[in-house]
Amino acid sequence: MKLKLSILSVFVAFVGILSFIFLVIAIGTDFWYIIDASKLEIKNNFSETMSSHSGLWRMCKFKDKCSPLINPFWHGNLNFTDPQKQLLSMHGTLVILLPLSLILMIFGGMTGFVSILARAYLLLLLTGMLFLFGALVTLTGISIYIAYSAAAFNYALYALGSAILSEIDIRFGWSLALAWISFITEVLTGMAFLLAARVTGLKRTRDQVI
């Protein structure tokens, strides 16, 4: 039993740290969405690049500086159309959810460390549920980002036309892939804590019987 708990302790520490690191990198990098317009640039001899990659906070043109995205929580005196307001609302939601998942992981890490040392059944159970809830928050944030990207593409399709967009390669980047990996490892961490709670509960029951 001690061996199983030791193995689980090492496993949850490893995947929990990986989950946190991957999500931090994903949130902090600018390769969630990539727009490659090199074919269009060559065809029309554009002097300025149209290709770009964007994250949650800013958009970067290739070989150029990055510029911050519009603040979804402050519109000032700007007048936005309904589709633009919808995009801002979705953007505001996802930039809250993903950092919230990081906060949940920090709390989960603290309670998990104490629960493993104390072999506390209820605390292990609570930590497992906390990580699974954090994984749900991460999944919700990722799902909203995918929906946000689809809505932004439809808006661009309406504004620019399909002829131009057909010559542009648009795809998700490696930052989003890291967020997916973080979600998976977060689920594994939560399940491992629940398993550790079960092992601890069975040991307690066995000790009481003896």
Protein backbone atom coordinates (compact mmCIF):
# COMPACT_ATOMS: atom_id res chain seq x y z
CA MET A 1 0.00 0.00 0.00
CA LYS A 2 2.83 2.37 0.88
CA LEU A 3 4.45 1.58 -2.46
CA LYS A 4 1.23 2.38 -4.32
CA LEU A 5 0.83 5.67 -2.49
CA SER A 6 4.46 6.56 -3.19
CA ILE A 7 4.03 5.84 -6.89
CA LEU A 8 0.82 7.87 -7.01
CA SER A 9 2.54 10.73 -5.17
CA VAL A 10 5.33 10.89 -7.75
CA PHE A 11 2.84 10.59 -10.61
CA VAL A 12 0.51 13.37 -9.42
CA ALA A 13 3.46 15.67 -8.75
CA PHE A 14 4.86 15.05 -12.23
CA VAL A 15 1.65 15.44 -14.25
CA GLY A 16 0.42 18.29 -12.04
CA ILE A 17 3.58 20.31 -12.64
CA LEU A 18 3.46 19.52 -16.36
CA SER A 19 -0.16 20.66 -16.55
CA PHE A 20 0.66 23.96 -14.87
CA ILE A 21 3.74 24.62 -17.02
CA PHE A 22 1.96 23.80 -20.28
CA LEU A 23 -0.96 26.10 -19.49
CA VAL A 24 1.34 28.95 -18.41
CA ILE A 25 3.26 28.66 -21.68
CA ALA A 26 0.04 28.42 -23.69
CA ILE A 27 -1.46 31.52 -22.07
CA GLY A 28 1.77 33.51 -22.39
CA THR A 29 2.59 32.72 -26.03
CA ASP A 30 1.12 34.08 -29.25
CA PHE A 31 0.62 31.02 -31.44
CA TRP A 32 -2.99 30.13 -30.77
CA TYR A 33 -4.07 31.21 -34.24
CA ILE A 34 -1.86 31.51 -37.33
CA ILE A 35 -2.72 33.35 -40.52
CA ASP A 36 -0.33 32.63 -43.40
CA ALA A 37 -0.94 35.04 -46.26
CA SER A 38 2.40 34.47 -48.04
CA LYS A 39 0.72 33.22 -51.24
CA LEU A 40 -1.48 36.32 -51.40
CA GLU A 41 1.49 38.59 -50.69
CA ILE A 42 3.56 37.06 -53.49
CA LYS A 43 0.65 37.11 -55.93
CA ASN A 44 -0.14 40.79 -55.34
CA ASN A 45 3.42 41.98 -54.59
CA PHE A 46 2.46 43.44 -51.21
CA SER A 47 5.25 45.43 -49.62
CA GLU A 48 3.80 44.90 -46.14
CA THR A 49 3.26 41.46 -44.68
CA MET A 50 -0.30 40.32 -43.96
CA SER A 51 0.71 37.10 -42.22
CA SER A 52 0.25 37.08 -38.48
CA HIS A 53 -0.05 34.91 -35.40
CA SER A 54 -2.07 35.75 -32.32
CA GLY A 55 -2.51 34.76 -28.71
CA LEU A 56 -5.00 35.64 -26.02
CA TRP A 57 -3.58 39.11 -25.44
CA ARG A 58 -1.97 40.35 -28.65
CA MET A 59 -1.49 39.85 -32.37
CA CYS A 60 1.91 39.71 -34.02
CA LYS A 61 2.76 40.24 -37.65
CA PHE A 62 5.62 38.13 -38.95
CA LYS A 63 8.88 40.09 -38.95
CA ASP A 64 7.13 42.93 -37.13
CA LYS A 65 6.18 44.05 -33.64
CA CYS A 66 3.19 42.76 -31.72
CA SER A 67 0.16 44.88 -30.90
CA PRO A 68 -2.32 44.27 -28.06
CA LEU A 69 -5.80 43.06 -28.87
CA ILE A 70 -8.79 45.23 -28.05
CA ASN A 71 -9.53 45.21 -24.34
CA PRO A 72 -12.75 43.18 -24.02
CA PHE A 73 -13.61 44.85 -20.70
CA TRP A 74 -13.34 48.49 -21.79
CA HIS A 75 -14.87 49.81 -24.98
CA GLY A 76 -14.54 53.53 -24.31
CA ASN A 77 -16.47 55.62 -26.80
CA LEU A 78 -16.07 53.10 -29.62
CA ASN A 79 -19.18 51.85 -31.34
CA PHE A 80 -19.16 48.15 -32.16
CA THR A 81 -21.53 46.10 -34.25
CA ASP A 82 -23.36 43.18 -32.67
CA PRO A 83 -20.94 40.58 -34.16
CA GLN A 84 -17.99 42.58 -32.81
CA LYS A 85 -19.62 42.78 -29.36
CA GLN A 86 -20.14 39.02 -29.43
CA LEU A 87 -16.47 38.48 -30.26
CA LEU A 88 -15.39 40.78 -27.44
CA SER A 89 -17.69 38.99 -25.00
CA MET A 90 -16.28 35.59 -25.98
CA HIS A 91 -12.74 36.91 -25.76
CA GLY A 92 -13.39 38.38 -22.32
CA THR A 93 -14.80 35.07 -21.10
CA LEU A 94 -11.87 32.95 -22.23
CA VAL A 95 -9.20 35.31 -20.86
CA ILE A 96 -10.90 34.92 -17.46
CA LEU A 97 -11.40 31.15 -17.56
CA LEU A 98 -7.88 30.07 -18.51
CA PRO A 99 -6.07 32.12 -15.81
CA LEU A 100 -8.75 30.90 -13.38
CA SER A 101 -7.71 27.34 -14.21
CA LEU A 102 -4.13 28.26 -13.27
CA ILE A 103 -5.33 29.60 -9.92
CA LEU A 104 -7.28 26.39 -9.28
CA MET A 105 -4.15 24.37 -10.06
CA ILE A 106 -2.15 26.43 -7.57
CA PHE A 107 -4.71 25.78 -4.83
CA GLY A 108 -4.88 22.14 -5.90
CA GLY A 109 -1.12 21.86 -5.67
CA MET A 110 -1.10 23.26 -2.14
CA THR A 111 -3.92 21.05 -0.87
CA GLY A 112 -2.45 18.08 -2.74
CA PHE A 113 0.94 18.50 -1.08
CA VAL A 114 -0.64 18.60 2.38
CA SER A 115 -3.01 15.71 1.65
CA ILE A 116 -0.23 13.44 0.41
CA LEU A 117 1.93 14.15 3.46
CA ALA A 118 -0.98 13.66 5.86
CA ARG A 119 -2.54 10.74 3.94
CA ALA A 120 -5.85 12.52 4.51
CA TYR A 121 -8.70 10.82 2.68
CA LEU A 122 -11.08 13.79 2.50
CA LEU A 123 -8.34 16.21 1.48
CA LEU A 124 -7.13 13.85 -1.25
CA LEU A 125 -10.71 13.53 -2.48
CA LEU A 126 -11.19 17.31 -2.40
CA THR A 127 -7.93 17.86 -4.31
CA GLY A 128 -8.94 15.37 -6.98
CA MET A 129 -12.30 17.09 -7.44
CA LEU A 130 -10.54 20.47 -7.54
CA PHE A 131 -8.24 19.36 -10.35
CA LEU A 132 -11.12 17.85 -12.30
CA PHE A 133 -13.09 21.07 -11.90
CA GLY A 134 -10.03 23.01 -13.09
CA ALA A 135 -9.82 20.69 -16.09
CA LEU A 136 -13.46 21.46 -16.86
CA VAL A 137 -12.67 25.19 -16.68
CA THR A 138 -9.72 24.69 -19.04
CA LEU A 139 -11.85 22.70 -21.47
CA THR A 140 -14.53 25.39 -21.40
CA GLY A 141 -11.93 28.07 -22.12
CA ILE A 142 -10.48 26.08 -25.03
CA SER A 143 -13.95 25.40 -26.43
CA ILE A 144 -14.86 29.08 -26.25
CA TYR A 145 -11.62 29.98 -28.02
CA ILE A 146 -12.41 27.57 -30.86
CA ALA A 147 -15.92 29.03 -31.14
CA TYR A 148 -14.44 32.54 -30.94
CA SER A 149 -12.04 31.73 -33.79
CA ALA A 150 -14.87 30.34 -35.91
CA ALA A 151 -16.97 33.46 -35.28
CA ALA A 152 -14.01 35.70 -36.15
CA PHE A 153 -13.46 33.76 -39.37
CA ASN A 154 -17.12 34.13 -40.35
CA TYR A 155 -16.94 37.86 -39.63
CA ALA A 156 -13.79 38.15 -41.79
CA LEU A 157 -15.51 36.11 -44.50
CA TYR A 158 -18.40 38.57 -44.47
CA ALA A 159 -16.13 41.64 -44.43
CA LEU A 160 -13.45 40.54 -46.92
CA GLY A 161 -15.15 37.94 -49.05
CA SER A 162 -14.33 34.30 -49.73
CA ALA A 163 -12.06 35.08 -52.70
CA ILE A 164 -9.35 36.64 -50.56
CA LEU A 165 -9.64 34.17 -47.67
CA SER A 166 -9.35 31.22 -50.06
CA GLU A 167 -5.73 32.25 -50.70
CA ILE A 168 -4.91 32.52 -47.00
CA ASP A 169 -3.87 29.55 -44.86
CA ILE A 170 -5.56 29.81 -41.46
CA ARG A 171 -4.86 27.25 -38.72
CA PHE A 172 -4.54 26.77 -35.00
CA GLY A 173 -1.03 26.92 -33.55
CA TRP A 174 1.05 25.08 -31.00
CA SER A 175 -0.09 27.29 -28.11
CA LEU A 176 -3.56 25.78 -28.40
CA ALA A 177 -2.00 22.31 -28.59
CA LEU A 178 -0.22 22.98 -25.28
CA ALA A 179 -3.54 24.02 -23.73
CA TRP A 180 -5.04 20.68 -24.84
CA ILE A 181 -2.10 18.80 -23.31
CA SER A 182 -2.54 20.78 -20.10
CA PHE A 183 -6.21 19.78 -20.01
CA ILE A 184 -5.34 16.09 -20.43
CA THR A 185 -2.65 16.13 -17.73
CA GLU A 186 -5.00 18.06 -15.44
CA VAL A 187 -7.59 15.29 -15.80
CA LEU A 188 -4.92 12.67 -15.11
CA THR A 189 -3.85 14.56 -11.99
CA GLY A 190 -7.41 14.73 -10.68
CA MET A 191 -8.01 11.03 -11.34
CA ALA A 192 -4.73 10.11 -9.65
CA PHE A 193 -5.73 12.07 -6.53
CA LEU A 194 -9.10 10.30 -6.48
CA LEU A 195 -7.29 6.97 -6.79
CA ALA A 196 -4.98 7.96 -3.95
CA ALA A 197 -8.03 8.83 -1.86
CA ARG A 198 -9.51 5.40 -2.59
CA VAL A 199 -6.27 3.64 -1.65
CA THR A 200 -6.08 5.64 1.57
CA GLY A 201 -9.74 4.89 2.38
CA LEU A 202 -9.26 1.15 1.82
CA LYS A 203 -6.19 1.17 4.05
CA ARG A 204 -8.09 3.00 6.79
CA THR A 205 -10.96 0.51 6.58
CA ARG A 206 -8.55 -2.42 6.74
CA ASP A 207 -6.77 -0.95 9.75
CA GLN A 208 -10.08 -0.47 11.55
CA VAL A 209 -11.09 -4.09 10.89
CA ILE A 210 -7.77 -5.36 12.20
